Amino acid sequence: MFNKKFRLCFSIIAVMALVFVNIPNVQAGQGSGSYTYRVANSRGYYDRATAYTDTSAGWGNTDIYTSGYANVPAGHMGAASQLFRADGALCKSSAMLYNSSSSSTLSVSTDRQTGSVGYYSVGIATYYNGSGYDNYFTKASPTVYLSSPYFAALQVPESLLQENENDQTYGSAYVAQVTGNMPELVSAVATDGTLGYVYSQDLQFATPSNPEEALALNAQAATNPTIPVYAVDGTTIVGTFQFTTEIVSK
């Protein structure tokens, strides 16, 4: 599911998009980042990330539409959505999914997450350029809270790069904003709610060579693959992180 072509996926997200202190705070409802315009294979695309909350949970969404809502062939655009708690811990991620038929829009959402008062979302978008794919990261959504933004003061992420006993760096994705380096172990929430760490290299999506390969990846994504969640030592497994997709519009 993952390969080295997305080696800097999380580092780029953290440096370019996860600017926690500059992200507006929004109370319960939704908060969307601004659309960004891209061009691939002479076609125009717009993509953005949105975080949603209701009274008990949050979820993320990435949506794409083409310039002029002109249809593009199957497999020409893909999207993934990632949801973070306000403290910078990754708590939900969809798989990377591609339009399975000719379409002008694509919308991919994470599963719902409970157990925190605030969430923000970052999206990944990829477009066929005629000989491969161009990968992009959306602007981060605002942080959306289930109740008062007052609680944000209780969830300020760690900003220092730390090392465990095995000389591996660890922390939330937020630390890259301060240090410029992504931790080897990224703070994440397991499916059972346990807070631990996942290897950043395990969060790398495969990049297809052509639309046929892209559509084949959709079938793999449907299996909801998992990766291990570790304790801070990077060796003790404390749970699993699952890539799930709640909503897909094609």
Protein backbone atom coordinates (compact mmCIF):
# COMPACT_ATOMS: atom_id res chain seq x y z
CA MET A 1 0.00 0.00 0.00
CA PHE A 2 2.86 2.33 0.66
CA ASN A 3 6.15 3.06 -1.08
CA LYS A 4 9.14 5.37 -1.02
CA LYS A 5 7.60 7.76 -3.56
CA PHE A 6 5.52 9.15 -0.71
CA ARG A 7 8.54 9.10 1.63
CA LEU A 8 8.09 12.72 2.69
CA CYS A 9 4.30 12.59 2.92
CA PHE A 10 3.95 13.40 6.57
CA SER A 11 6.95 15.71 6.74
CA ILE A 12 5.52 17.86 3.98
CA ILE A 13 2.09 17.88 5.60
CA ALA A 14 3.51 19.00 8.91
CA VAL A 15 5.79 21.69 7.54
CA MET A 16 3.38 23.18 5.00
CA ALA A 17 -0.02 22.66 6.56
CA LEU A 18 -0.03 21.87 10.29
CA VAL A 19 0.59 25.38 11.57
CA PHE A 20 -1.43 24.87 14.71
CA VAL A 21 -1.06 28.32 16.21
CA ASN A 22 -2.13 29.99 12.96
CA ILE A 23 -5.17 27.83 12.30
CA PRO A 24 -8.44 29.61 13.18
CA ASN A 25 -10.59 28.00 15.87
CA VAL A 26 -14.20 27.17 15.06
CA GLN A 27 -16.88 25.93 17.42
CA ALA A 28 -19.03 22.86 16.74
CA GLY A 29 -19.97 22.42 13.09
CA GLN A 30 -17.42 22.55 10.31
CA GLY A 31 -14.29 24.38 9.26
CA SER A 32 -12.85 24.30 5.75
CA GLY A 33 -9.45 25.27 4.47
CA SER A 34 -9.36 27.36 1.31
CA TYR A 35 -9.39 25.67 -2.09
CA THR A 36 -6.06 25.39 -3.89
CA TYR A 37 -5.88 25.36 -7.69
CA ARG A 38 -3.68 22.78 -9.44
CA VAL A 39 -2.95 21.93 -13.07
CA ALA A 40 -2.10 18.43 -14.28
CA ASN A 41 -2.09 17.22 -17.89
CA SER A 42 -3.62 20.57 -18.98
CA ARG A 43 -6.59 20.06 -16.67
CA GLY A 44 -7.45 22.30 -13.73
CA TYR A 45 -8.39 20.97 -10.27
CA TYR A 46 -9.38 22.48 -6.93
CA ASP A 47 -8.87 20.67 -3.59
CA ARG A 48 -9.44 21.45 0.08
CA ALA A 49 -9.72 19.85 3.54
CA THR A 50 -12.65 20.19 5.93
CA ALA A 51 -13.06 19.16 9.57
CA TYR A 52 -16.54 18.40 10.91
CA THR A 53 -17.85 17.92 14.44
CA ASP A 54 -21.17 17.19 16.05
CA THR A 55 -21.95 16.85 19.74
CA SER A 56 -19.76 13.78 20.24
CA ALA A 57 -17.30 13.22 17.38
CA GLY A 58 -15.16 14.69 14.64
CA TRP A 59 -14.27 13.57 11.12
CA GLY A 60 -12.27 14.87 8.18
CA ASN A 61 -12.99 15.27 4.49
CA THR A 62 -11.04 16.04 1.33
CA ASP A 63 -12.96 17.19 -1.72
CA ILE A 64 -11.88 17.86 -5.29
CA TYR A 65 -13.64 19.36 -8.25
CA THR A 66 -12.38 20.06 -11.74
CA SER A 67 -12.24 23.46 -13.40
CA GLY A 68 -15.59 24.09 -15.05
CA TYR A 69 -16.80 20.76 -13.63
CA ALA A 70 -15.47 19.01 -16.72
CA ASN A 71 -15.39 15.24 -16.40
CA VAL A 72 -12.01 13.48 -16.31
CA PRO A 73 -11.48 9.76 -17.04
CA ALA A 74 -11.51 7.12 -14.32
CA GLY A 75 -8.38 7.02 -12.20
CA HIS A 76 -7.23 10.55 -13.03
CA MET A 77 -7.76 12.07 -9.57
CA GLY A 78 -7.30 10.67 -6.09
CA ALA A 79 -7.85 11.92 -2.57
CA ALA A 80 -7.18 10.91 1.03
CA SER A 81 -8.27 12.58 4.26
CA GLN A 82 -6.47 12.64 7.60
CA LEU A 83 -7.95 13.77 10.90
CA PHE A 84 -5.85 15.09 13.78
CA ARG A 85 -6.76 15.86 17.36
CA ALA A 86 -6.10 19.41 18.46
CA ASP A 87 -2.95 18.18 20.24
CA GLY A 88 -1.48 17.02 16.90
CA ALA A 89 -2.07 13.26 17.25
CA LEU A 90 -3.25 11.51 14.10
CA CYS A 91 -6.50 9.77 14.94
CA LYS A 92 -8.13 8.82 11.62
CA SER A 93 -7.01 8.41 8.02
CA SER A 94 -8.76 7.25 4.91
CA ALA A 95 -7.01 5.33 2.20
CA MET A 96 -6.05 7.05 -1.04
CA LEU A 97 -9.01 6.57 -3.37
CA TYR A 98 -9.40 7.40 -7.08
CA ASN A 99 -12.46 8.26 -9.15
CA SER A 100 -13.75 4.92 -10.44
CA SER A 101 -15.65 6.40 -13.37
CA SER A 102 -15.62 9.56 -15.48
CA SER A 103 -16.37 12.39 -13.06
CA SER A 104 -15.82 16.06 -12.22
CA THR A 105 -15.80 15.63 -8.41
CA LEU A 106 -14.33 13.39 -5.75
CA SER A 107 -14.92 13.48 -2.01
CA VAL A 108 -13.26 11.19 0.55
CA SER A 109 -13.91 11.21 4.30
CA THR A 110 -12.39 9.59 7.37
CA ASP A 111 -14.35 7.57 9.86
CA ARG A 112 -15.67 9.37 12.97
CA GLN A 113 -13.47 9.87 16.03
CA THR A 114 -14.61 10.42 19.61
CA GLY A 115 -12.64 11.20 22.75
CA SER A 116 -11.30 14.69 22.04
CA VAL A 117 -12.77 18.20 22.11
CA GLY A 118 -11.15 19.51 18.95
CA TYR A 119 -10.02 18.28 15.52
CA TYR A 120 -8.49 19.53 12.29
CA SER A 121 -8.04 17.88 8.91
CA VAL A 122 -5.38 17.74 6.21
CA GLY A 123 -5.99 16.27 2.77
CA ILE A 124 -3.81 14.62 0.16
CA ALA A 125 -4.69 15.03 -3.52
CA THR A 126 -3.09 13.38 -6.53
CA TYR A 127 -3.66 14.01 -10.26
CA TYR A 128 -2.64 12.11 -13.38
CA ASN A 129 -0.20 14.19 -15.43
CA GLY A 130 -0.07 11.98 -18.53
CA SER A 131 2.89 9.87 -17.45
CA GLY A 132 2.47 9.58 -13.68
CA TYR A 133 0.89 11.42 -10.77
CA ASP A 134 1.46 14.80 -9.14
CA ASN A 135 0.92 14.65 -5.37
CA TYR A 136 -0.24 17.62 -3.31
CA PHE A 137 -1.26 18.42 0.24
CA THR A 138 -4.21 20.64 0.97
CA LYS A 139 -4.12 23.55 3.34
CA ALA A 140 -5.08 22.49 6.85
CA SER A 141 -8.64 23.07 7.91
CA PRO A 142 -9.42 25.22 10.94
CA THR A 143 -9.48 23.42 14.27
CA VAL A 144 -13.13 22.68 15.05
CA TYR A 145 -14.27 22.15 18.63
CA LEU A 146 -17.18 20.19 20.02
CA SER A 147 -17.70 22.88 22.66
CA SER A 148 -15.78 26.01 23.72
CA PRO A 149 -12.38 26.84 22.19
CA TYR A 150 -11.32 27.37 25.81
CA PHE A 151 -10.38 23.71 25.93
CA ALA A 152 -7.71 24.26 23.29
CA ALA A 153 -5.45 25.47 26.09
CA LEU A 154 -5.52 21.93 27.50
CA GLN A 155 -4.33 20.40 24.22
CA VAL A 156 -1.24 22.32 23.13
CA PRO A 157 1.02 19.81 21.34
CA GLU A 158 4.62 19.16 22.28
CA SER A 159 6.95 21.29 20.17
CA LEU A 160 10.27 19.62 21.03
CA LEU A 161 11.90 16.78 19.14
CA GLN A 162 12.49 13.99 21.65
CA GLU A 163 14.40 10.70 21.47
CA ASN A 164 13.57 7.32 22.98
CA GLU A 165 16.00 4.79 24.44
CA ASN A 166 16.68 3.47 20.92
CA ASP A 167 17.72 6.92 19.66
CA GLN A 168 14.54 7.27 17.58
CA THR A 169 12.82 10.64 17.46
CA TYR A 170 9.17 10.76 18.49
CA GLY A 171 6.36 13.24 18.95
CA SER A 172 3.32 14.70 17.23
CA ALA A 173 3.28 15.85 13.62
CA TYR A 174 3.30 19.39 15.03
CA VAL A 175 7.00 19.20 15.95
CA ALA A 176 8.00 19.45 12.28
CA GLN A 177 6.62 22.98 12.28
CA VAL A 178 9.18 23.95 14.91
CA THR A 179 12.15 21.70 14.12
CA GLY A 180 11.76 21.16 10.37
CA ASN A 181 12.17 17.42 10.96
CA MET A 182 9.45 14.78 11.12
CA PRO A 183 9.74 12.34 14.04
CA GLU A 184 10.45 8.74 13.11
CA LEU A 185 7.60 7.83 15.44
CA VAL A 186 4.48 9.95 14.96
CA SER A 187 1.87 10.30 17.70
CA ALA A 188 -1.30 8.42 16.73
CA VAL A 189 -4.44 7.01 18.28
CA ALA A 190 -5.03 3.25 17.89
CA THR A 191 -8.43 1.84 16.97
CA ASP A 192 -9.14 1.04 20.64
CA GLY A 193 -8.28 4.59 21.74
CA THR A 194 -4.77 3.85 22.98
CA LEU A 195 -2.36 6.71 22.36
CA GLY A 196 0.92 5.52 20.88
CA TYR A 197 3.16 6.02 17.86
CA VAL A 198 3.30 4.85 14.26
CA TYR A 199 6.35 4.85 12.04
CA SER A 200 6.18 7.75 9.60
CA GLN A 201 7.34 5.41 6.83
CA ASP A 202 4.23 3.29 7.40
CA LEU A 203 2.06 6.29 6.52
CA GLN A 204 3.32 6.47 2.94
CA PHE A 205 0.76 5.85 0.21
CA ALA A 206 1.73 3.98 -2.94
CA THR A 207 1.89 6.11 -6.07
CA PRO A 208 0.51 4.40 -9.20
CA SER A 209 2.12 4.77 -12.60
CA ASN A 210 -1.12 5.04 -14.56
CA PRO A 211 -4.94 5.11 -14.11
CA GLU A 212 -5.18 1.32 -14.39
CA GLU A 213 -2.88 0.90 -11.40
CA ALA A 214 -4.80 3.64 -9.56
CA LEU A 215 -8.07 1.75 -9.93
CA ALA A 216 -6.39 -1.44 -8.70
CA LEU A 217 -5.35 0.44 -5.56
CA ASN A 218 -9.03 1.16 -4.87
CA ALA A 219 -9.57 -2.56 -4.36
CA GLN A 220 -6.69 -2.71 -1.88
CA ALA A 221 -8.06 0.28 0.00
CA ALA A 222 -11.42 -1.47 0.39
CA THR A 223 -9.74 -4.02 2.68
CA ASN A 224 -9.18 -1.30 5.33
CA PRO A 225 -5.50 -2.15 5.92
CA THR A 226 -3.84 -1.66 9.30
CA ILE A 227 -0.39 -0.74 10.61
CA PRO A 228 1.02 -1.32 14.11
CA VAL A 229 0.87 1.29 16.86
CA TYR A 230 3.87 1.18 19.18
CA ALA A 231 4.80 2.34 22.64
CA VAL A 232 7.40 5.09 22.80
CA ASP A 233 10.19 2.48 22.57
CA GLY A 234 9.22 1.79 18.94
CA THR A 235 9.19 -1.97 19.47
CA THR A 236 6.34 -2.78 21.85
CA ILE A 237 3.07 -3.02 19.91
CA VAL A 238 0.17 -1.50 21.84
CA GLY A 239 -2.51 -1.51 19.14
CA THR A 240 -3.29 -1.03 15.48
CA PHE A 241 -4.13 1.96 13.30
CA GLN A 242 -6.66 1.27 10.55
CA PHE A 243 -7.14 3.15 7.30
CA THR A 244 -10.90 3.48 6.91
CA THR A 245 -13.02 5.46 4.52
CA GLU A 246 -16.46 6.62 5.58
CA ILE A 247 -17.74 8.39 2.48
CA VAL A 248 -16.64 8.36 -1.15
CA SER A 249 -18.39 10.39 -3.85
CA LYS A 250 -17.47 9.66 -7.46
